[in-house]
C-alpha atoms as a PDB file:
ATOM      1  CA  UNK A   1     -19.989  42.281  25.591  1.00  0.00           C
ATOM      2  CA  UNK A   2     -18.451  39.274  23.889  1.00  0.00           C
ATOM      3  CA  UNK A   3     -16.469  39.821  20.751  1.00  0.00           C
ATOM      4  CA  UNK A   4     -15.383  37.623  17.896  1.00  0.00           C
ATOM      5  CA  UNK A   5     -12.219  35.620  18.206  1.00  0.00           C
ATOM      6  CA  UNK A   6      -9.845  36.499  15.358  1.00  0.00           C
ATOM      7  CA  UNK A   7      -9.403  33.536  13.037  1.00  0.00           C
ATOM      8  CA  UNK A   8      -5.613  33.742  13.096  1.00  0.00           C
ATOM      9  CA  UNK A   9      -5.556  33.729  16.901  1.00  0.00           C
ATOM     10  CA  UNK A  10      -7.854  30.725  16.951  1.00  0.00           C
ATOM     11  CA  UNK A  11      -5.552  28.795  14.628  1.00  0.00           C
ATOM     12  CA  UNK A  12      -2.489  29.683  16.714  1.00  0.00           C
ATOM     13  CA  UNK A  13      -4.145  28.647  19.970  1.00  0.00           C
ATOM     14  CA  UNK A  14      -4.896  25.180  18.607  1.00  0.00           C
ATOM     15  CA  UNK A  15      -7.517  23.426  20.715  1.00  0.00           C
ATOM     16  CA  UNK A  16     -10.579  25.463  21.600  1.00  0.00           C
ATOM     17  CA  UNK A  17     -13.275  24.838  24.148  1.00  0.00           C
ATOM     18  CA  UNK A  18     -16.849  24.074  23.126  1.00  0.00           C
ATOM     19  CA  UNK A  19     -17.965  27.609  24.015  1.00  0.00           C
ATOM     20  CA  UNK A  20     -15.156  29.116  21.948  1.00  0.00           C
ATOM     21  CA  UNK A  21     -16.266  27.035  18.973  1.00  0.00           C
ATOM     22  CA  UNK A  22     -19.810  28.301  19.462  1.00  0.00           C
ATOM     23  CA  UNK A  23     -18.566  31.886  19.636  1.00  0.00           C
ATOM     24  CA  UNK A  24     -16.649  31.531  16.373  1.00  0.00           C
ATOM     25  CA  UNK A  25     -19.630  29.816  14.726  1.00  0.00           C
ATOM     26  CA  UNK A  26     -21.955  32.561  15.945  1.00  0.00           C
ATOM     27  CA  UNK A  27     -19.978  35.255  14.168  1.00  0.00           C
ATOM     28  CA  UNK A  28     -19.795  33.259  10.950  1.00  0.00           C
ATOM     29  CA  UNK A  29     -23.585  32.900  11.092  1.00  0.00           C
ATOM     30  CA  UNK A  30     -24.017  36.603  11.865  1.00  0.00           C
ATOM     31  CA  UNK A  31     -21.955  37.604   8.831  1.00  0.00           C
ATOM     32  CA  UNK A  32     -23.773  35.114   6.584  1.00  0.00           C
ATOM     33  CA  UNK A  33     -27.234  36.249   7.680  1.00  0.00           C
ATOM     34  CA  UNK A  34     -26.158  39.894   7.353  1.00  0.00           C
ATOM     35  CA  UNK A  35     -25.052  39.254   3.771  1.00  0.00           C
ATOM     36  CA  UNK A  36     -28.425  37.669   2.966  1.00  0.00           C
ATOM     37  CA  UNK A  37     -30.300  40.642   4.425  1.00  0.00           C
ATOM     38  CA  UNK A  38     -28.133  43.204   2.604  1.00  0.00           C
ATOM     39  CA  UNK A  39     -28.692  41.519  -0.754  1.00  0.00           C
ATOM     40  CA  UNK A  40     -32.390  40.993   0.078  1.00  0.00           C
ATOM     41  CA  UNK A  41     -32.789  44.735   0.738  1.00  0.00           C
ATOM     42  CA  UNK A  42     -31.167  45.479  -2.620  1.00  0.00           C
ATOM     43  CA  UNK A  43     -33.515  42.993  -4.309  1.00  0.00           C
ATOM     44  CA  UNK A  44     -36.500  44.521  -2.494  1.00  0.00           C
ATOM     45  CA  UNK A  45     -35.582  47.983  -3.819  1.00  0.00           C
ATOM     46  CA  UNK A  46     -35.020  46.656  -7.344  1.00  0.00           C
ATOM     47  CA  UNK A  47     -38.635  45.485  -7.520  1.00  0.00           C
ATOM     48  CA  UNK A  48     -39.185  46.206 -11.211  1.00  0.00           C
ATOM     49  CA  UNK A  49     -36.132  44.207 -12.285  1.00  0.00           C
ATOM     50  CA  UNK A  50     -36.801  41.314  -9.903  1.00  0.00           C
ATOM     51  CA  UNK A  51     -40.437  40.859 -10.905  1.00  0.00           C
ATOM     52  CA  UNK A  52     -41.020  42.294 -14.380  1.00  0.00           C
ATOM     53  CA  UNK A  53     -37.707  41.121 -15.845  1.00  0.00           C
ATOM     54  CA  UNK A  54     -36.648  38.042 -13.888  1.00  0.00           C
ATOM     55  CA  UNK A  55     -39.596  36.285 -12.300  1.00  0.00           C
ATOM     56  CA  UNK A  56     -42.271  37.202 -14.824  1.00  0.00           C
ATOM     57  CA  UNK A  57     -39.887  36.463 -17.690  1.00  0.00           C
ATOM     58  CA  UNK A  58     -40.937  32.781 -18.034  1.00  0.00           C
ATOM     59  CA  UNK A  59     -44.565  33.930 -18.340  1.00  0.00           C
ATOM     60  CA  UNK A  60     -43.774  35.960 -21.450  1.00  0.00           C
ATOM     61  CA  UNK A  61     -43.833  34.321 -24.858  1.00  0.00           C
ATOM     62  CA  UNK A  62     -40.753  36.402 -25.713  1.00  0.00           C
ATOM     63  CA  UNK A  63     -38.648  34.707 -23.021  1.00  0.00           C
ATOM     64  CA  UNK A  64     -35.201  33.586 -24.250  1.00  0.00           C
ATOM     65  CA  UNK A  65     -35.911  29.870 -23.798  1.00  0.00           C
ATOM     66  CA  UNK A  66     -39.140  29.991 -25.803  1.00  0.00           C
ATOM     67  CA  UNK A  67     -37.502  32.010 -28.577  1.00  0.00           C
ATOM     68  CA  UNK A  68     -34.607  29.528 -28.904  1.00  0.00           C
ATOM     69  CA  UNK A  69     -36.895  26.479 -28.830  1.00  0.00           C
ATOM     70  CA  UNK A  70     -39.192  28.063 -31.395  1.00  0.00           C
ATOM     71  CA  UNK A  71     -36.323  29.101 -33.647  1.00  0.00           C
ATOM     72  CA  UNK A  72     -34.319  25.872 -33.660  1.00  0.00           C
ATOM     73  CA  UNK A  73     -36.823  23.134 -32.712  1.00  0.00           C
ATOM     74  CA  UNK A  74     -40.138  24.733 -33.701  1.00  0.00           C
ATOM     75  CA  UNK A  75     -41.420  24.210 -30.132  1.00  0.00           C
ATOM     76  CA  UNK A  76     -43.368  26.482 -27.766  1.00  0.00           C
ATOM     77  CA  UNK A  77     -43.891  29.221 -30.346  1.00  0.00           C
ATOM     78  CA  UNK A  78     -46.347  31.656 -28.730  1.00  0.00           C
ATOM     79  CA  UNK A  79     -47.005  35.302 -28.061  1.00  0.00           C
ATOM     80  CA  UNK A  80     -48.158  34.979 -24.454  1.00  0.00           C
ATOM     81  CA  UNK A  81     -49.023  32.370 -21.842  1.00  0.00           C
ATOM     82  CA  UNK A  82     -52.683  31.279 -21.735  1.00  0.00           C
ATOM     83  CA  UNK A  83     -53.150  32.118 -18.051  1.00  0.00           C
ATOM     84  CA  UNK A  84     -53.545  35.131 -15.794  1.00  0.00           C
ATOM     85  CA  UNK A  85     -51.810  35.865 -12.505  1.00  0.00           C
ATOM     86  CA  UNK A  86     -54.125  37.026  -9.731  1.00  0.00           C
ATOM     87  CA  UNK A  87     -53.769  38.072  -6.113  1.00  0.00           C
ATOM     88  CA  UNK A  88     -56.540  37.011  -3.724  1.00  0.00           C
ATOM     89  CA  UNK A  89     -55.001  38.075  -0.425  1.00  0.00           C
ATOM     90  CA  UNK A  90     -54.915  41.597   1.018  1.00  0.00           C
ATOM     91  CA  UNK A  91     -51.235  41.315   1.902  1.00  0.00           C
ATOM     92  CA  UNK A  92     -50.433  38.845  -0.864  1.00  0.00           C
ATOM     93  CA  UNK A  93     -48.323  41.099  -3.052  1.00  0.00           C
ATOM     94  CA  UNK A  94     -46.384  42.563  -0.123  1.00  0.00           C
ATOM     95  CA  UNK A  95     -45.601  39.195   1.476  1.00  0.00           C
ATOM     96  CA  UNK A  96     -44.632  37.781  -1.916  1.00  0.00           C
ATOM     97  CA  UNK A  97     -42.319  40.755  -2.423  1.00  0.00           C
ATOM     98  CA  UNK A  98     -40.600  40.014   0.898  1.00  0.00           C
ATOM     99  CA  UNK A  99     -40.385  36.271   0.232  1.00  0.00           C
ATOM    100  CA  UNK A 100     -38.868  36.763  -3.211  1.00  0.00           C
ATOM    101  CA  UNK A 101     -36.366  39.301  -1.855  1.00  0.00           C
ATOM    102  CA  UNK A 102     -35.191  36.889   0.847  1.00  0.00           C
ATOM    103  CA  UNK A 103     -34.790  34.056  -1.663  1.00  0.00           C
ATOM    104  CA  UNK A 104     -32.843  36.382  -3.958  1.00  0.00           C
ATOM    105  CA  UNK A 105     -30.708  37.372  -0.977  1.00  0.00           C
ATOM    106  CA  UNK A 106     -29.838  33.728  -0.318  1.00  0.00           C
ATOM    107  CA  UNK A 107     -29.110  32.942  -3.974  1.00  0.00           C
ATOM    108  CA  UNK A 108     -26.883  35.935  -4.691  1.00  0.00           C
ATOM    109  CA  UNK A 109     -25.134  35.785  -1.305  1.00  0.00           C
ATOM    110  CA  UNK A 110     -24.564  32.027  -1.595  1.00  0.00           C
ATOM    111  CA  UNK A 111     -20.846  32.298  -2.547  1.00  0.00           C
ATOM    112  CA  UNK A 112     -20.187  34.407   0.538  1.00  0.00           C
ATOM    113  CA  UNK A 113     -22.147  31.971   2.735  1.00  0.00           C
ATOM    114  CA  UNK A 114     -20.024  29.092   1.429  1.00  0.00           C
ATOM    115  CA  UNK A 115     -16.927  31.177   2.102  1.00  0.00           C
ATOM    116  CA  UNK A 116     -17.977  31.667   5.742  1.00  0.00           C
ATOM    117  CA  UNK A 117     -18.659  27.937   6.119  1.00  0.00           C
ATOM    118  CA  UNK A 118     -15.212  27.201   4.704  1.00  0.00           C
ATOM    119  CA  UNK A 119     -13.573  29.652   7.115  1.00  0.00           C
ATOM    120  CA  UNK A 120     -15.238  27.858  10.013  1.00  0.00           C
ATOM    121  CA  UNK A 121     -14.245  24.307   9.068  1.00  0.00           C
ATOM    122  CA  UNK A 122     -10.801  25.079   7.610  1.00  0.00           C
ATOM    123  CA  UNK A 123      -8.935  25.348  10.971  1.00  0.00           C
ATOM    124  CA  UNK A 124     -10.076  21.836  11.882  1.00  0.00           C
ATOM    125  CA  UNK A 125      -8.636  20.233   8.740  1.00  0.00           C
ATOM    126  CA  UNK A 126      -5.201  18.666   8.410  1.00  0.00           C
ATOM    127  CA  UNK A 127      -2.779  20.201   5.916  1.00  0.00           C
ATOM    128  CA  UNK A 128      -3.372  17.343   3.461  1.00  0.00           C
ATOM    129  CA  UNK A 129      -7.151  17.775   3.707  1.00  0.00           C
ATOM    130  CA  UNK A 130      -6.798  21.527   3.139  1.00  0.00           C
ATOM    131  CA  UNK A 131      -4.699  20.826   0.066  1.00  0.00           C
ATOM    132  CA  UNK A 132      -7.335  18.603  -1.518  1.00  0.00           C
ATOM    133  CA  UNK A 133     -10.122  20.975  -0.500  1.00  0.00           C
ATOM    134  CA  UNK A 134      -8.541  24.010  -2.163  1.00  0.00           C
ATOM    135  CA  UNK A 135     -10.984  25.739  -4.465  1.00  0.00           C
ATOM    136  CA  UNK A 136     -13.979  24.214  -2.678  1.00  0.00           C
ATOM    137  CA  UNK A 137     -15.669  27.601  -2.254  1.00  0.00           C
ATOM    138  CA  UNK A 138     -15.276  28.318  -5.969  1.00  0.00           C
ATOM    139  CA  UNK A 139     -16.567  24.933  -7.153  1.00  0.00           C
ATOM    140  CA  UNK A 140     -19.504  24.809  -4.737  1.00  0.00           C
ATOM    141  CA  UNK A 141     -20.549  28.337  -5.721  1.00  0.00           C
ATOM    142  CA  UNK A 142     -20.026  27.678  -9.436  1.00  0.00           C
ATOM    143  CA  UNK A 143     -22.111  24.487  -9.424  1.00  0.00           C
ATOM    144  CA  UNK A 144     -24.888  26.144  -7.452  1.00  0.00           C
ATOM    145  CA  UNK A 145     -25.051  29.123  -9.820  1.00  0.00           C
ATOM    146  CA  UNK A 146     -24.985  26.824 -12.845  1.00  0.00           C
ATOM    147  CA  UNK A 147     -27.877  24.893 -11.330  1.00  0.00           C
ATOM    148  CA  UNK A 148     -29.808  28.092 -10.649  1.00  0.00           C
ATOM    149  CA  UNK A 149     -29.318  29.251 -14.252  1.00  0.00           C
ATOM    150  CA  UNK A 150     -30.291  25.820 -15.585  1.00  0.00           C
ATOM    151  CA  UNK A 151     -33.414  25.828 -13.441  1.00  0.00           C
ATOM    152  CA  UNK A 152     -34.325  29.364 -14.464  1.00  0.00           C
ATOM    153  CA  UNK A 153     -33.748  29.002 -18.210  1.00  0.00           C
ATOM    154  CA  UNK A 154     -34.886  25.428 -18.746  1.00  0.00           C
ATOM    155  CA  UNK A 155     -36.795  23.692 -15.947  1.00  0.00           C
ATOM    156  CA  UNK A 156     -38.860  26.676 -14.761  1.00  0.00           C
ATOM    157  CA  UNK A 157     -40.078  27.928 -18.176  1.00  0.00           C
ATOM    158  CA  UNK A 158     -40.877  24.420 -19.410  1.00  0.00           C
ATOM    159  CA  UNK A 159     -42.821  23.713 -16.222  1.00  0.00           C
ATOM    160  CA  UNK A 160     -44.606  27.077 -16.314  1.00  0.00           C
ATOM    161  CA  UNK A 161     -45.596  26.515 -19.919  1.00  0.00           C
ATOM    162  CA  UNK A 162     -46.929  23.022 -19.274  1.00  0.00           C
ATOM    163  CA  UNK A 163     -48.712  23.650 -15.974  1.00  0.00           C
ATOM    164  CA  UNK A 164     -49.973  27.104 -16.953  1.00  0.00           C
ATOM    165  CA  UNK A 165     -51.443  25.953 -20.264  1.00  0.00           C
ATOM    166  CA  UNK A 166     -52.804  22.587 -19.118  1.00  0.00           C
ATOM    167  CA  UNK A 167     -56.619  22.423 -19.246  1.00  0.00           C
ATOM    168  CA  UNK A 168     -59.062  19.644 -18.472  1.00  0.00           C
ATOM    169  CA  UNK A 169     -61.665  21.570 -20.450  1.00  0.00           C
ATOM    170  CA  UNK A 170     -61.489  24.451 -22.935  1.00  0.00           C
ATOM    171  CA  UNK A 171     -64.225  26.194 -20.973  1.00  0.00           C
ATOM    172  CA  UNK A 172     -61.973  26.533 -17.929  1.00  0.00           C
ATOM    173  CA  UNK A 173     -59.379  29.311 -18.005  1.00  0.00           C
ATOM    174  CA  UNK A 174     -56.369  29.195 -15.715  1.00  0.00           C
ATOM    175  CA  UNK A 175     -56.141  32.008 -13.187  1.00  0.00           C
ATOM    176  CA  UNK A 176     -53.076  31.240 -11.110  1.00  0.00           C
ATOM    177  CA  UNK A 177     -52.492  32.677  -7.667  1.00  0.00           C
ATOM    178  CA  UNK A 178     -49.498  35.014  -7.413  1.00  0.00           C
ATOM    179  CA  UNK A 179     -47.934  33.091  -4.534  1.00  0.00           C
ATOM    180  CA  UNK A 180     -48.389  29.757  -6.325  1.00  0.00           C
ATOM    181  CA  UNK A 181     -46.554  31.039  -9.409  1.00  0.00           C
ATOM    182  CA  UNK A 182     -43.583  32.519  -7.562  1.00  0.00           C
ATOM    183  CA  UNK A 183     -43.342  29.541  -5.202  1.00  0.00           C
ATOM    184  CA  UNK A 184     -43.143  27.214  -8.201  1.00  0.00           C
ATOM    185  CA  UNK A 185     -40.420  29.279  -9.859  1.00  0.00           C
ATOM    186  CA  UNK A 186     -38.420  29.632  -6.635  1.00  0.00           C
ATOM    187  CA  UNK A 187     -38.708  25.954  -5.716  1.00  0.00           C
ATOM    188  CA  UNK A 188     -37.614  24.737  -9.142  1.00  0.00           C
ATOM    189  CA  UNK A 189     -34.674  27.140  -9.327  1.00  0.00           C
ATOM    190  CA  UNK A 190     -33.416  26.400  -5.804  1.00  0.00           C
ATOM    191  CA  UNK A 191     -33.920  22.650  -6.242  1.00  0.00           C
ATOM    192  CA  UNK A 192     -31.924  22.774  -9.462  1.00  0.00           C
ATOM    193  CA  UNK A 193     -29.115  24.650  -7.700  1.00  0.00           C
ATOM    194  CA  UNK A 194     -29.012  22.003  -4.969  1.00  0.00           C
ATOM    195  CA  UNK A 195     -29.100  19.096  -7.462  1.00  0.00           C
ATOM    196  CA  UNK A 196     -26.078  20.553  -9.235  1.00  0.00           C
ATOM    197  CA  UNK A 197     -24.103  20.094  -6.012  1.00  0.00           C
ATOM    198  CA  UNK A 198     -24.110  16.333  -6.729  1.00  0.00           C
ATOM    199  CA  UNK A 199     -20.370  16.226  -7.644  1.00  0.00           C
ATOM    200  CA  UNK A 200     -19.518  17.912  -4.336  1.00  0.00           C
ATOM    201  CA  UNK A 201     -21.694  15.422  -2.441  1.00  0.00           C
ATOM    202  CA  UNK A 202     -20.023  12.534  -4.265  1.00  0.00           C
ATOM    203  CA  UNK A 203     -16.625  14.029  -3.404  1.00  0.00           C
ATOM    204  CA  UNK A 204     -17.317  13.878   0.331  1.00  0.00           C
ATOM    205  CA  UNK A 205     -19.081  10.506   0.155  1.00  0.00           C
ATOM    206  CA  UNK A 206     -16.042   9.095  -1.621  1.00  0.00           C
ATOM    207  CA  UNK A 207     -13.705  10.647   0.957  1.00  0.00           C
ATOM    208  CA  UNK A 208     -15.501   8.808   3.779  1.00  0.00           C
ATOM    209  CA  UNK A 209     -15.764   5.581   1.783  1.00  0.00           C
ATOM    210  CA  UNK A 210     -19.516   5.463   1.203  1.00  0.00           C
ATOM    211  CA  UNK A 211     -19.373   5.427  -2.622  1.00  0.00           C
ATOM    212  CA  UNK A 212     -16.778   4.466  -5.209  1.00  0.00           C
ATOM    213  CA  UNK A 213     -16.503   5.004  -8.981  1.00  0.00           C
ATOM    214  CA  UNK A 214     -17.268   1.321  -9.572  1.00  0.00           C
ATOM    215  CA  UNK A 215     -20.434   1.649  -7.467  1.00  0.00           C
ATOM    216  CA  UNK A 216     -21.586   4.668  -9.498  1.00  0.00           C
ATOM    217  CA  UNK A 217     -20.813   2.908 -12.788  1.00  0.00           C
ATOM    218  CA  UNK A 218     -22.626  -0.224 -11.642  1.00  0.00           C
ATOM    219  CA  UNK A 219     -25.797   1.764 -10.941  1.00  0.00           C
ATOM    220  CA  UNK A 220     -25.531   3.990 -14.011  1.00  0.00           C
ATOM    221  CA  UNK A 221     -28.544   2.294 -15.629  1.00  0.00           C
ATOM    222  CA  UNK A 222     -30.612   2.951 -12.528  1.00  0.00           C
ATOM    223  CA  UNK A 223     -29.462   6.565 -12.600  1.00  0.00           C
ATOM    224  CA  UNK A 224     -30.483   6.879 -16.263  1.00  0.00           C
ATOM    225  CA  UNK A 225     -33.975   5.609 -15.481  1.00  0.00           C
ATOM    226  CA  UNK A 226     -34.265   7.958 -12.505  1.00  0.00           C
ATOM    227  CA  UNK A 227     -33.112  10.970 -14.496  1.00  0.00           C
ATOM    228  CA  UNK A 228     -35.502  10.092 -17.340  1.00  0.00           C
ATOM    229  CA  UNK A 229     -38.387   9.909 -14.872  1.00  0.00           C
ATOM    230  CA  UNK A 230     -37.348  13.222 -13.312  1.00  0.00           C
ATOM    231  CA  UNK A 231     -37.099  14.838 -16.752  1.00  0.00           C
ATOM    232  CA  UNK A 232     -40.554  13.535 -17.663  1.00  0.00           C
ATOM    233  CA  UNK A 233     -42.061  14.896 -14.435  1.00  0.00           C
ATOM    234  CA  UNK A 234     -40.704  18.438 -14.669  1.00  0.00           C
ATOM    235  CA  UNK A 235     -41.081  19.027 -18.409  1.00  0.00           C
ATOM    236  CA  UNK A 236     -43.960  19.060 -20.900  1.00  0.00           C
ATOM    237  CA  UNK A 237     -44.905  15.641 -22.322  1.00  0.00           C
ATOM    238  CA  UNK A 238     -42.752  15.861 -25.439  1.00  0.00           C
ATOM    239  CA  UNK A 239     -39.446  14.142 -26.160  1.00  0.00           C
ATOM    240  CA  UNK A 240     -37.519  17.290 -27.132  1.00  0.00           C
ATOM    241  CA  UNK A 241     -38.109  19.024 -23.803  1.00  0.00           C
ATOM    242  CA  UNK A 242     -37.234  15.881 -21.855  1.00  0.00           C
ATOM    243  CA  UNK A 243     -33.979  15.506 -23.777  1.00  0.00           C
ATOM    244  CA  UNK A 244     -33.060  19.137 -23.040  1.00  0.00           C
ATOM    245  CA  UNK A 245     -33.253  18.399 -19.308  1.00  0.00           C
ATOM    246  CA  UNK A 246     -31.958  14.815 -19.402  1.00  0.00           C
ATOM    247  CA  UNK A 247     -28.548  15.384 -20.986  1.00  0.00           C
ATOM    248  CA  UNK A 248     -27.272  18.079 -18.577  1.00  0.00           C
ATOM    249  CA  UNK A 249     -28.377  15.992 -15.568  1.00  0.00           C
ATOM    250  CA  UNK A 250     -26.767  12.877 -17.031  1.00  0.00           C
ATOM    251  CA  UNK A 251     -23.589  14.843 -17.681  1.00  0.00           C
ATOM    252  CA  UNK A 252     -23.657  15.853 -14.027  1.00  0.00           C
ATOM    253  CA  UNK A 253     -23.782  12.186 -13.018  1.00  0.00           C
ATOM    254  CA  UNK A 254     -20.813  11.368 -15.260  1.00  0.00           C
ATOM    255  CA  UNK A 255     -18.863  14.269 -13.761  1.00  0.00           C
ATOM    256  CA  UNK A 256     -19.622  12.819 -10.329  1.00  0.00           C
ATOM    257  CA  UNK A 257     -18.065   9.502 -11.387  1.00  0.00           C
ATOM    258  CA  UNK A 258     -14.958  11.344 -12.553  1.00  0.00           C
ATOM    259  CA  UNK A 259     -14.782  13.264  -9.258  1.00  0.00           C
ATOM    260  CA  UNK A 260     -15.052  10.026  -7.272  1.00  0.00           C
ATOM    261  CA  UNK A 261     -12.259   8.435  -9.307  1.00  0.00           C
ATOM    262  CA  UNK A 262     -10.105  11.543  -8.866  1.00  0.00           C
ATOM    263  CA  UNK A 263     -10.510  11.389  -5.080  1.00  0.00           C
ATOM    264  CA  UNK A 264      -9.373   7.764  -4.964  1.00  0.00           C
ATOM    265  CA  UNK A 265      -6.381   8.504  -7.217  1.00  0.00           C
ATOM    266  CA  UNK A 266      -5.310  11.381  -4.995  1.00  0.00           C
ATOM    267  CA  UNK A 267      -5.654   9.239  -1.876  1.00  0.00           C
ATOM    268  CA  UNK A 268      -3.627   6.437  -3.462  1.00  0.00           C
ATOM    269  CA  UNK A 269      -0.936   8.913  -4.460  1.00  0.00           C
ATOM    270  CA  UNK A 270      -0.830  10.400  -0.955  1.00  0.00           C
ATOM    271  CA  UNK A 271      -0.509   6.947   0.622  1.00  0.00           C
ATOM    272  CA  UNK A 272       2.288   6.060  -1.784  1.00  0.00           C
ATOM    273  CA  UNK A 273       4.235   9.190  -0.815  1.00  0.00           C
ATOM    274  CA  UNK A 274       4.104   8.353   2.895  1.00  0.00           C
END
């Protein structure tokens, strides 16, 4: 039976064969998938919290986002959403329970997954590259979790409110399929988490010379238009909701410019020290 190569031994041995790389990668994948399953099992057991508190929260008129918008902006003041959730499949609730648990497993185990990815690529980096990549696990995980929270507390409830209450006729009542509701919530939250990785993406694109701060500043107006369109698509058709989504995303773009400039400054400093 094959066994995992200790990381320290791998680093000391230097060059590894292709099969040895695959063996090391296999164990990183095994640990990552195991972490997802462990957290997914915990989420599956905590059914009441996952569904009644978390996922069905945006359907309640007492959800935190609605209360804050109603209190400070006099928006979305309601007691309950004007739609019902229904299940039309025999195994619908069970399969949805499994799907939601697996997604929760990925989200909550994400920092550990990033840590395993970092452990795999770290031995192949030069000392200078390791120096500039310090804290990568923390920043990637932090940005992803911030994106997930932003998606859950802002994008998802605003979208649920708009899509769930939209009617082409007052005689037609919305009865939304269980899987459709949870898929919408999950997609928006995960997409938001991925979008918040933009500064990390810009970091690597700057490192390989694809983008520069001047390039990002030059196309800032295009980015503003794109973010405005995105905000209009995922929020109700009112200015206040669009502004709530626009400013955090625009701030993310500005942070990406700063990250790109920081990378170039560090590279210039390193070249000057040589």
